[in-house]
Protein backbone atom coordinates (compact mmCIF):
# COMPACT_ATOMS: atom_id res chain seq x y z
CA UNK A 1 -116.65 -167.38 -48.53
CA UNK A 2 -120.32 -168.35 -49.02
CA UNK A 3 -122.06 -170.34 -46.32
CA UNK A 4 -122.99 -173.88 -47.38
CA UNK A 5 -126.57 -174.82 -48.10
CA UNK A 6 -128.22 -176.41 -45.08
CA UNK A 7 -129.77 -179.66 -46.30
CA UNK A 8 -130.41 -182.77 -44.27
CA UNK A 9 -131.56 -186.25 -45.17
CA UNK A 10 -135.24 -185.45 -44.48
CA UNK A 11 -134.93 -182.31 -46.62
CA UNK A 12 -133.60 -184.41 -49.50
CA UNK A 13 -136.46 -186.87 -49.15
CA UNK A 14 -139.05 -184.07 -49.07
CA UNK A 15 -137.46 -182.48 -52.12
CA UNK A 16 -137.37 -185.82 -53.94
CA UNK A 17 -141.03 -186.57 -53.11
CA UNK A 18 -142.13 -183.17 -54.45
CA UNK A 19 -139.88 -183.43 -57.51
CA UNK A 20 -141.25 -186.90 -58.26
CA UNK A 21 -144.82 -185.63 -57.91
CA UNK A 22 -144.13 -182.74 -60.29
CA UNK A 23 -142.54 -185.01 -62.90
CA UNK A 24 -145.18 -187.71 -62.59
CA UNK A 25 -147.93 -185.21 -63.45
CA UNK A 26 -146.53 -184.85 -66.98
CA UNK A 27 -145.19 -188.37 -67.51
CA UNK A 28 -148.26 -189.29 -69.63
CA UNK A 29 -147.12 -186.68 -72.16
CA UNK A 30 -143.90 -188.61 -72.67
CA UNK A 31 -145.58 -192.01 -72.66
CA UNK A 32 -148.16 -190.93 -75.24
CA UNK A 33 -145.40 -189.87 -77.63
CA UNK A 34 -142.84 -192.59 -76.88
CA UNK A 35 -144.84 -195.52 -75.57
CA UNK A 36 -142.03 -198.08 -75.71
CA UNK A 37 -139.50 -196.14 -73.59
CA UNK A 38 -139.76 -196.73 -69.84
CA UNK A 39 -136.70 -194.71 -68.80
CA UNK A 40 -138.54 -191.63 -67.45
CA UNK A 41 -141.01 -193.82 -65.52
CA UNK A 42 -138.10 -195.83 -64.11
CA UNK A 43 -136.43 -192.58 -63.02
CA UNK A 44 -139.56 -191.56 -61.12
CA UNK A 45 -139.76 -195.03 -59.57
CA UNK A 46 -136.12 -194.59 -58.52
CA UNK A 47 -137.04 -191.31 -56.83
CA UNK A 48 -139.86 -193.07 -54.98
CA UNK A 49 -137.36 -195.72 -53.81
CA UNK A 50 -135.05 -192.96 -52.55
CA UNK A 51 -137.93 -191.34 -50.66
CA UNK A 52 -138.62 -194.68 -48.93
CA UNK A 53 -135.06 -195.70 -48.07
CA UNK A 54 -133.03 -192.46 -48.28
CA UNK A 55 -130.14 -194.10 -50.11
CA UNK A 56 -128.45 -192.30 -52.97
CA UNK A 57 -127.30 -195.15 -55.16
CA UNK A 58 -125.40 -195.51 -58.40
CA UNK A 59 -128.61 -196.98 -59.83
CA UNK A 60 -130.54 -193.78 -59.06
CA UNK A 61 -127.86 -191.68 -60.77
CA UNK A 62 -128.01 -194.02 -63.79
CA UNK A 63 -131.80 -193.71 -63.91
CA UNK A 64 -131.48 -189.92 -63.95
CA UNK A 65 -128.98 -190.01 -66.84
CA UNK A 66 -131.14 -192.52 -68.72
CA UNK A 67 -134.24 -190.32 -68.47
CA UNK A 68 -132.24 -187.35 -69.74
CA UNK A 69 -131.04 -189.51 -72.65
CA UNK A 70 -134.68 -190.39 -73.36
CA UNK A 71 -135.40 -186.66 -73.46
CA UNK A 72 -132.71 -186.14 -76.11
CA UNK A 73 -134.11 -188.99 -78.20
CA UNK A 74 -137.84 -188.28 -77.84
CA UNK A 75 -138.35 -186.26 -81.01
CA UNK A 76 -141.40 -184.51 -79.53
CA UNK A 77 -140.92 -181.24 -77.60
CA UNK A 78 -143.53 -181.97 -74.92
CA UNK A 79 -142.19 -185.48 -74.43
CA UNK A 80 -138.66 -184.09 -74.22
CA UNK A 81 -139.64 -181.66 -71.47
CA UNK A 82 -141.55 -184.37 -69.58
CA UNK A 83 -138.56 -186.74 -69.71
CA UNK A 84 -136.29 -183.94 -68.50
CA UNK A 85 -138.64 -183.40 -65.56
CA UNK A 86 -138.25 -187.09 -64.66
CA UNK A 87 -134.48 -187.06 -65.12
CA UNK A 88 -134.04 -183.97 -62.99
CA UNK A 89 -136.37 -185.43 -60.34
CA UNK A 90 -134.11 -188.48 -60.08
CA UNK A 91 -131.10 -186.16 -59.76
CA UNK A 92 -132.39 -183.97 -56.89
CA UNK A 93 -131.08 -186.29 -54.16
CA UNK A 94 -127.59 -185.35 -55.40
CA UNK A 95 -128.05 -181.65 -54.68
CA UNK A 96 -124.73 -180.17 -53.55
CA UNK A 97 -124.58 -177.99 -50.45
CA UNK A 98 -123.53 -174.95 -52.50
CA UNK A 99 -125.39 -171.66 -52.45
CA UNK A 100 -125.41 -171.02 -56.20
CA UNK A 101 -127.98 -170.32 -58.91
CA UNK A 102 -126.98 -173.65 -60.46
CA UNK A 103 -128.21 -175.48 -57.36
CA UNK A 104 -131.53 -173.64 -57.45
CA UNK A 105 -131.90 -174.93 -61.00
CA UNK A 106 -131.58 -178.48 -59.64
CA UNK A 107 -134.24 -177.85 -57.01
CA UNK A 108 -136.72 -176.24 -59.40
CA UNK A 109 -136.08 -178.15 -62.66
CA UNK A 110 -138.59 -181.01 -62.21
CA UNK A 111 -141.48 -178.58 -61.71
CA UNK A 112 -140.26 -176.12 -64.35
CA UNK A 113 -139.81 -178.77 -67.05
CA UNK A 114 -143.18 -180.22 -66.07
CA UNK A 115 -144.72 -176.79 -66.62
CA UNK A 116 -142.95 -176.43 -69.95
CA UNK A 117 -144.12 -179.89 -71.06
CA UNK A 118 -147.72 -179.02 -70.24
CA UNK A 119 -147.42 -175.70 -72.04
CA UNK A 120 -146.03 -177.30 -75.20
CA UNK A 121 -148.55 -180.13 -75.17
CA UNK A 122 -151.58 -177.90 -74.81
CA UNK A 123 -150.22 -175.31 -77.22
CA UNK A 124 -152.49 -172.51 -76.06
CA UNK A 125 -149.90 -170.07 -74.77
CA UNK A 126 -148.48 -169.72 -71.32
CA UNK A 127 -151.58 -170.55 -69.24
CA UNK A 128 -151.02 -174.30 -68.84
CA UNK A 129 -147.42 -173.76 -67.73
CA UNK A 130 -148.50 -171.12 -65.26
CA UNK A 131 -151.11 -173.55 -63.91
CA UNK A 132 -148.40 -176.19 -63.35
CA UNK A 133 -146.27 -173.61 -61.53
CA UNK A 134 -149.25 -172.79 -59.31
CA UNK A 135 -149.80 -176.50 -58.64
CA UNK A 136 -146.11 -177.04 -57.82
CA UNK A 137 -145.95 -174.03 -55.50
CA UNK A 138 -149.19 -175.07 -53.82
CA UNK A 139 -147.92 -178.58 -53.12
CA UNK A 140 -144.34 -177.80 -52.08
CA UNK A 141 -143.30 -178.97 -48.61
CA UNK A 142 -142.00 -176.35 -46.15
CA UNK A 143 -138.52 -177.93 -46.30
CA UNK A 144 -138.27 -177.17 -50.01
CA UNK A 145 -139.39 -173.58 -49.48
CA UNK A 146 -136.65 -173.26 -46.86
CA UNK A 147 -134.06 -174.63 -49.30
CA UNK A 148 -135.11 -172.20 -52.02
CA UNK A 149 -134.86 -169.28 -49.60
CA UNK A 150 -131.22 -170.19 -48.92
CA UNK A 151 -130.36 -169.91 -52.63
CA UNK A 152 -129.93 -166.80 -54.79
CA UNK A 153 -133.21 -165.60 -56.30
CA UNK A 154 -133.76 -166.44 -59.96
CA UNK A 155 -133.97 -163.58 -62.46
CA UNK A 156 -136.67 -163.42 -65.15
CA UNK A 157 -134.09 -164.09 -67.87
CA UNK A 158 -134.89 -163.98 -71.57
CA UNK A 159 -136.47 -167.31 -72.42
CA UNK A 160 -139.79 -168.86 -71.49
CA UNK A 161 -137.92 -171.46 -69.43
CA UNK A 162 -136.18 -168.64 -67.52
CA UNK A 163 -139.57 -167.03 -66.90
CA UNK A 164 -140.92 -170.31 -65.49
CA UNK A 165 -137.88 -170.69 -63.21
CA UNK A 166 -138.36 -167.12 -62.01
CA UNK A 167 -142.11 -167.56 -61.44
CA UNK A 168 -141.63 -170.74 -59.40
CA UNK A 169 -138.74 -169.31 -57.42
CA UNK A 170 -140.75 -166.19 -56.56
CA UNK A 171 -143.82 -168.24 -55.62
CA UNK A 172 -141.77 -170.45 -53.29
CA UNK A 173 -140.22 -167.44 -51.57
CA UNK A 174 -143.66 -165.91 -50.88
CA UNK A 175 -145.80 -166.92 -47.90
């Protein structure tokens, strides 16, 4: 049997704060493409509420699902990735205490989709995404590093998204 992930209330709030910061950095990419859709912004605001009060509510879960729906409907790849970052940020308070690669995806997704959004928007190769990964790893709280270290390491995979997950995971394990 695998030991459960050690995650407390303060850890969840630290993770949510960082996830919200990562998603908020690319929110303008969504809003520029889909100006009349507030769902990703509302998801980030929901994360900020969670950070303040520490309550995982049905409303927060709904905000996460709504931002992910906005991603499906965006019609612009950078906006889609930015909305996913917001949706996954609103979902991080629901991280399960399971030591699985799937859970590491939940922890890393807001920063990874933010990096992918920036990469797509700039359209000059992998540099902008790598810069977002550096920003995310440079601004991560120690509690999030500790969570990542409890989870299985990410492999490089085959896709660019896999490579971003791997790069962030490796950066958070270093130090």
